[in-house]
C-alpha atoms as a PDB file:
ATOM      1  CA  UNK A   1     166.494  66.817 147.442  1.00  0.00           C
ATOM      2  CA  UNK A   2     168.202  63.444 146.881  1.00  0.00           C
ATOM      3  CA  UNK A   3     167.396  61.660 143.650  1.00  0.00           C
ATOM      4  CA  UNK A   4     166.580  58.404 145.440  1.00  0.00           C
ATOM      5  CA  UNK A   5     163.667  59.818 147.437  1.00  0.00           C
ATOM      6  CA  UNK A   6     160.224  58.356 146.710  1.00  0.00           C
ATOM      7  CA  UNK A   7     157.314  60.045 144.919  1.00  0.00           C
ATOM      8  CA  UNK A   8     159.240  61.074 141.810  1.00  0.00           C
ATOM      9  CA  UNK A   9     156.014  61.468 139.815  1.00  0.00           C
ATOM     10  CA  UNK A  10     154.471  63.806 142.382  1.00  0.00           C
ATOM     11  CA  UNK A  11     157.709  65.751 142.671  1.00  0.00           C
ATOM     12  CA  UNK A  12     157.771  66.225 138.893  1.00  0.00           C
ATOM     13  CA  UNK A  13     154.148  67.387 138.795  1.00  0.00           C
ATOM     14  CA  UNK A  14     154.685  69.806 141.671  1.00  0.00           C
ATOM     15  CA  UNK A  15     157.911  71.177 140.139  1.00  0.00           C
ATOM     16  CA  UNK A  16     156.326  71.614 136.721  1.00  0.00           C
ATOM     17  CA  UNK A  17     153.314  73.487 138.059  1.00  0.00           C
ATOM     18  CA  UNK A  18     155.553  75.753 140.124  1.00  0.00           C
ATOM     19  CA  UNK A  19     157.653  76.565 137.067  1.00  0.00           C
ATOM     20  CA  UNK A  20     154.627  76.980 134.782  1.00  0.00           C
ATOM     21  CA  UNK A  21     153.258  79.502 137.303  1.00  0.00           C
ATOM     22  CA  UNK A  22     156.556  81.339 137.718  1.00  0.00           C
ATOM     23  CA  UNK A  23     157.711  81.588 134.120  1.00  0.00           C
ATOM     24  CA  UNK A  24     154.871  80.305 131.904  1.00  0.00           C
ATOM     25  CA  UNK A  25     154.254  76.918 130.380  1.00  0.00           C
ATOM     26  CA  UNK A  26     155.874  77.798 127.048  1.00  0.00           C
ATOM     27  CA  UNK A  27     159.205  78.886 128.498  1.00  0.00           C
ATOM     28  CA  UNK A  28     159.573  76.000 130.950  1.00  0.00           C
ATOM     29  CA  UNK A  29     161.789  73.137 129.787  1.00  0.00           C
ATOM     30  CA  UNK A  30     161.856  69.485 130.771  1.00  0.00           C
ATOM     31  CA  UNK A  31     165.390  69.980 132.077  1.00  0.00           C
ATOM     32  CA  UNK A  32     164.186  72.760 134.391  1.00  0.00           C
ATOM     33  CA  UNK A  33     161.329  70.599 135.670  1.00  0.00           C
ATOM     34  CA  UNK A  34     163.638  67.669 136.376  1.00  0.00           C
ATOM     35  CA  UNK A  35     166.177  69.922 138.056  1.00  0.00           C
ATOM     36  CA  UNK A  36     163.539  71.584 140.268  1.00  0.00           C
ATOM     37  CA  UNK A  37     162.282  68.128 141.275  1.00  0.00           C
ATOM     38  CA  UNK A  38     165.820  66.991 142.057  1.00  0.00           C
ATOM     39  CA  UNK A  39     165.679  64.349 139.328  1.00  0.00           C
ATOM     40  CA  UNK A  40     167.224  63.693 135.941  1.00  0.00           C
ATOM     41  CA  UNK A  41     165.716  64.216 132.489  1.00  0.00           C
ATOM     42  CA  UNK A  42     165.669  60.458 131.963  1.00  0.00           C
ATOM     43  CA  UNK A  43     163.601  60.074 135.142  1.00  0.00           C
ATOM     44  CA  UNK A  44     161.195  62.691 133.799  1.00  0.00           C
ATOM     45  CA  UNK A  45     160.739  60.667 130.615  1.00  0.00           C
ATOM     46  CA  UNK A  46     160.055  57.498 132.609  1.00  0.00           C
ATOM     47  CA  UNK A  47     156.910  59.172 133.874  1.00  0.00           C
ATOM     48  CA  UNK A  48     155.872  61.570 131.095  1.00  0.00           C
ATOM     49  CA  UNK A  49     156.420  61.578 127.308  1.00  0.00           C
ATOM     50  CA  UNK A  50     156.597  65.405 127.350  1.00  0.00           C
ATOM     51  CA  UNK A  51     155.708  68.364 129.546  1.00  0.00           C
ATOM     52  CA  UNK A  52     152.151  68.563 128.170  1.00  0.00           C
ATOM     53  CA  UNK A  53     151.383  65.227 129.776  1.00  0.00           C
ATOM     54  CA  UNK A  54     151.962  66.689 133.226  1.00  0.00           C
ATOM     55  CA  UNK A  55     148.710  68.566 132.719  1.00  0.00           C
ATOM     56  CA  UNK A  56     146.804  65.317 132.257  1.00  0.00           C
ATOM     57  CA  UNK A  57     148.589  63.478 135.063  1.00  0.00           C
ATOM     58  CA  UNK A  58     146.073  61.275 136.789  1.00  0.00           C
ATOM     59  CA  UNK A  59     143.622  61.067 133.890  1.00  0.00           C
ATOM     60  CA  UNK A  60     144.243  57.351 133.441  1.00  0.00           C
ATOM     61  CA  UNK A  61     143.635  56.765 137.140  1.00  0.00           C
ATOM     62  CA  UNK A  62     140.429  58.799 137.094  1.00  0.00           C
ATOM     63  CA  UNK A  63     139.210  56.968 134.006  1.00  0.00           C
ATOM     64  CA  UNK A  64     139.877  53.604 135.647  1.00  0.00           C
ATOM     65  CA  UNK A  65     138.156  54.650 138.888  1.00  0.00           C
ATOM     66  CA  UNK A  66     135.126  55.974 137.032  1.00  0.00           C
ATOM     67  CA  UNK A  67     134.787  52.766 134.996  1.00  0.00           C
ATOM     68  CA  UNK A  68     135.265  50.548 138.061  1.00  0.00           C
ATOM     69  CA  UNK A  69     132.780  52.558 140.100  1.00  0.00           C
ATOM     70  CA  UNK A  70     130.106  52.248 137.435  1.00  0.00           C
ATOM     71  CA  UNK A  71     130.806  48.556 136.867  1.00  0.00           C
ATOM     72  CA  UNK A  72     130.526  47.789 140.582  1.00  0.00           C
ATOM     73  CA  UNK A  73     127.220  49.615 141.064  1.00  0.00           C
ATOM     74  CA  UNK A  74     124.303  47.363 142.001  1.00  0.00           C
ATOM     75  CA  UNK A  75     122.429  45.914 139.030  1.00  0.00           C
ATOM     76  CA  UNK A  76     119.307  47.916 139.898  1.00  0.00           C
ATOM     77  CA  UNK A  77     121.191  51.234 140.054  1.00  0.00           C
ATOM     78  CA  UNK A  78     119.975  53.966 137.730  1.00  0.00           C
ATOM     79  CA  UNK A  79     122.560  55.457 135.368  1.00  0.00           C
ATOM     80  CA  UNK A  80     122.978  58.539 137.581  1.00  0.00           C
ATOM     81  CA  UNK A  81     123.271  56.402 140.709  1.00  0.00           C
ATOM     82  CA  UNK A  82     126.021  54.382 139.014  1.00  0.00           C
ATOM     83  CA  UNK A  83     127.766  57.611 138.001  1.00  0.00           C
ATOM     84  CA  UNK A  84     127.480  58.917 141.572  1.00  0.00           C
ATOM     85  CA  UNK A  85     129.137  55.705 142.772  1.00  0.00           C
ATOM     86  CA  UNK A  86     131.952  56.266 140.266  1.00  0.00           C
ATOM     87  CA  UNK A  87     132.454  59.810 141.538  1.00  0.00           C
ATOM     88  CA  UNK A  88     132.539  58.568 145.130  1.00  0.00           C
ATOM     89  CA  UNK A  89     135.186  56.006 144.190  1.00  0.00           C
ATOM     90  CA  UNK A  90     137.339  58.738 142.663  1.00  0.00           C
ATOM     91  CA  UNK A  91     136.812  61.040 145.653  1.00  0.00           C
ATOM     92  CA  UNK A  92     138.007  58.261 147.923  1.00  0.00           C
ATOM     93  CA  UNK A  93     141.526  58.410 146.489  1.00  0.00           C
ATOM     94  CA  UNK A  94     141.907  62.183 146.323  1.00  0.00           C
ATOM     95  CA  UNK A  95     144.498  63.515 148.753  1.00  0.00           C
ATOM     96  CA  UNK A  96     145.834  66.866 149.846  1.00  0.00           C
ATOM     97  CA  UNK A  97     148.325  66.569 146.979  1.00  0.00           C
ATOM     98  CA  UNK A  98     145.392  66.647 144.529  1.00  0.00           C
ATOM     99  CA  UNK A  99     144.006  69.667 146.307  1.00  0.00           C
ATOM    100  CA  UNK A 100     147.386  71.421 146.251  1.00  0.00           C
ATOM    101  CA  UNK A 101     148.005  70.880 142.552  1.00  0.00           C
ATOM    102  CA  UNK A 102     144.391  71.574 141.620  1.00  0.00           C
ATOM    103  CA  UNK A 103     144.709  75.269 142.386  1.00  0.00           C
ATOM    104  CA  UNK A 104     147.982  75.572 140.499  1.00  0.00           C
ATOM    105  CA  UNK A 105     146.626  73.552 137.598  1.00  0.00           C
ATOM    106  CA  UNK A 106     143.656  75.907 137.243  1.00  0.00           C
ATOM    107  CA  UNK A 107     145.964  78.925 137.108  1.00  0.00           C
ATOM    108  CA  UNK A 108     148.228  77.329 134.503  1.00  0.00           C
ATOM    109  CA  UNK A 109     145.281  76.273 132.331  1.00  0.00           C
ATOM    110  CA  UNK A 110     143.781  79.757 132.517  1.00  0.00           C
ATOM    111  CA  UNK A 111     147.003  81.191 131.098  1.00  0.00           C
ATOM    112  CA  UNK A 112     146.769  79.497 127.699  1.00  0.00           C
ATOM    113  CA  UNK A 113     144.022  78.822 125.173  1.00  0.00           C
ATOM    114  CA  UNK A 114     145.945  75.764 123.939  1.00  0.00           C
ATOM    115  CA  UNK A 115     146.101  74.314 127.439  1.00  0.00           C
ATOM    116  CA  UNK A 116     142.400  75.008 128.066  1.00  0.00           C
ATOM    117  CA  UNK A 117     141.607  73.181 124.823  1.00  0.00           C
ATOM    118  CA  UNK A 118     143.717  70.217 125.927  1.00  0.00           C
ATOM    119  CA  UNK A 119     141.895  70.221 129.267  1.00  0.00           C
ATOM    120  CA  UNK A 120     138.542  70.167 127.489  1.00  0.00           C
ATOM    121  CA  UNK A 121     139.665  67.116 125.509  1.00  0.00           C
ATOM    122  CA  UNK A 122     140.535  65.439 128.799  1.00  0.00           C
ATOM    123  CA  UNK A 123     137.022  66.132 130.049  1.00  0.00           C
ATOM    124  CA  UNK A 124     135.463  64.747 126.871  1.00  0.00           C
ATOM    125  CA  UNK A 125     137.521  61.595 127.285  1.00  0.00           C
ATOM    126  CA  UNK A 126     136.491  61.106 130.906  1.00  0.00           C
ATOM    127  CA  UNK A 127     132.802  61.605 130.083  1.00  0.00           C
ATOM    128  CA  UNK A 128     133.170  59.021 127.306  1.00  0.00           C
ATOM    129  CA  UNK A 129     134.705  56.544 129.761  1.00  0.00           C
ATOM    130  CA  UNK A 130     131.666  56.871 132.009  1.00  0.00           C
ATOM    131  CA  UNK A 131     129.296  56.582 129.058  1.00  0.00           C
ATOM    132  CA  UNK A 132     131.068  53.452 127.805  1.00  0.00           C
ATOM    133  CA  UNK A 133     130.903  51.879 131.268  1.00  0.00           C
ATOM    134  CA  UNK A 134     127.175  52.584 131.388  1.00  0.00           C
ATOM    135  CA  UNK A 135     126.655  51.118 127.916  1.00  0.00           C
ATOM    136  CA  UNK A 136     128.458  47.990 129.123  1.00  0.00           C
ATOM    137  CA  UNK A 137     125.760  47.781 131.827  1.00  0.00           C
ATOM    138  CA  UNK A 138     123.058  47.857 129.156  1.00  0.00           C
ATOM    139  CA  UNK A 139     122.210  51.561 129.259  1.00  0.00           C
ATOM    140  CA  UNK A 140     121.199  53.060 125.905  1.00  0.00           C
ATOM    141  CA  UNK A 141     123.980  55.190 124.384  1.00  0.00           C
ATOM    142  CA  UNK A 142     122.121  58.577 124.486  1.00  0.00           C
ATOM    143  CA  UNK A 143     121.193  58.069 128.146  1.00  0.00           C
ATOM    144  CA  UNK A 144     124.715  56.876 128.961  1.00  0.00           C
ATOM    145  CA  UNK A 145     126.276  59.886 127.212  1.00  0.00           C
ATOM    146  CA  UNK A 146     124.046  62.323 129.092  1.00  0.00           C
ATOM    147  CA  UNK A 147     124.718  60.635 132.443  1.00  0.00           C
ATOM    148  CA  UNK A 148     128.468  60.673 131.762  1.00  0.00           C
ATOM    149  CA  UNK A 149     128.396  64.374 130.921  1.00  0.00           C
ATOM    150  CA  UNK A 150     126.353  65.149 134.016  1.00  0.00           C
ATOM    151  CA  UNK A 151     128.796  63.196 136.142  1.00  0.00           C
ATOM    152  CA  UNK A 152     131.721  65.088 134.732  1.00  0.00           C
ATOM    153  CA  UNK A 153     130.009  68.447 135.291  1.00  0.00           C
ATOM    154  CA  UNK A 154     129.406  67.444 138.910  1.00  0.00           C
ATOM    155  CA  UNK A 155     133.013  66.310 139.290  1.00  0.00           C
ATOM    156  CA  UNK A 156     134.419  69.494 137.759  1.00  0.00           C
ATOM    157  CA  UNK A 157     132.237  71.762 139.906  1.00  0.00           C
ATOM    158  CA  UNK A 158     132.811  69.879 143.181  1.00  0.00           C
ATOM    159  CA  UNK A 159     136.549  69.549 142.572  1.00  0.00           C
ATOM    160  CA  UNK A 160     136.863  73.286 141.847  1.00  0.00           C
ATOM    161  CA  UNK A 161     135.016  74.103 145.054  1.00  0.00           C
ATOM    162  CA  UNK A 162     137.175  71.638 147.016  1.00  0.00           C
ATOM    163  CA  UNK A 163     140.503  73.031 145.784  1.00  0.00           C
ATOM    164  CA  UNK A 164     139.527  76.701 146.010  1.00  0.00           C
ATOM    165  CA  UNK A 165     137.934  76.721 149.470  1.00  0.00           C
ATOM    166  CA  UNK A 166     140.102  75.683 152.416  1.00  0.00           C
ATOM    167  CA  UNK A 167     136.988  75.259 154.539  1.00  0.00           C
ATOM    168  CA  UNK A 168     135.148  73.186 151.964  1.00  0.00           C
ATOM    169  CA  UNK A 169     133.399  70.001 152.921  1.00  0.00           C
ATOM    170  CA  UNK A 170     135.028  66.700 151.961  1.00  0.00           C
ATOM    171  CA  UNK A 171     135.092  66.091 148.218  1.00  0.00           C
ATOM    172  CA  UNK A 172     132.652  63.160 148.456  1.00  0.00           C
ATOM    173  CA  UNK A 173     130.105  65.412 150.159  1.00  0.00           C
ATOM    174  CA  UNK A 174     130.584  68.145 147.556  1.00  0.00           C
ATOM    175  CA  UNK A 175     130.093  65.577 144.784  1.00  0.00           C
ATOM    176  CA  UNK A 176     126.818  64.410 146.324  1.00  0.00           C
ATOM    177  CA  UNK A 177     125.625  68.005 146.459  1.00  0.00           C
ATOM    178  CA  UNK A 178     126.676  68.675 142.874  1.00  0.00           C
ATOM    179  CA  UNK A 179     124.870  65.552 141.646  1.00  0.00           C
ATOM    180  CA  UNK A 180     121.736  66.568 143.572  1.00  0.00           C
ATOM    181  CA  UNK A 181     121.797  70.008 141.920  1.00  0.00           C
ATOM    182  CA  UNK A 182     122.137  68.415 138.493  1.00  0.00           C
ATOM    183  CA  UNK A 183     119.251  66.037 139.184  1.00  0.00           C
ATOM    184  CA  UNK A 184     117.127  69.065 140.132  1.00  0.00           C
ATOM    185  CA  UNK A 185     118.227  70.845 136.950  1.00  0.00           C
ATOM    186  CA  UNK A 186     117.350  67.767 134.890  1.00  0.00           C
ATOM    187  CA  UNK A 187     113.883  67.680 136.437  1.00  0.00           C
ATOM    188  CA  UNK A 188     113.329  71.340 135.496  1.00  0.00           C
ATOM    189  CA  UNK A 189     113.977  70.553 131.845  1.00  0.00           C
ATOM    190  CA  UNK A 190     110.540  68.991 131.582  1.00  0.00           C
END
């Protein structure tokens, strides 16, 4: 593949996940990732500080979309309605590439306790972004934190269903269903 072709970031992510699956995360080098992607090591480092950051590729985008979605919710929106709007905004930019790498990402994360821990930190960070966006709307911190966590649970569950089931409904629809289930669960808490 020529080095000048577009989508270097996606090529690096795809190459890394292929190599992580084939020969484990620990034994894969940056040079191997760059080579598999048809790029140079210096190009790799333009996009990622190290190979660990491939596993959080897209987190900044998700965080921005979540915050923007909550901020743009109507003033009268409840915290969970604002979170649902944030999830819909994120679903709107998900492509088949996200679906493709989602399955591989799950397999790579399952192979290492260290990587699962890193993934959990990513989730904590994304829930905090939603909570902070809700606080900026005037929502009390405990309510905002709970709504952010619920949103992230819905996102995680719907995304897993979307990437693991070829016949799954669109991600936005799965997110609506996941949020509805969580609202029902909340109501059962009493």
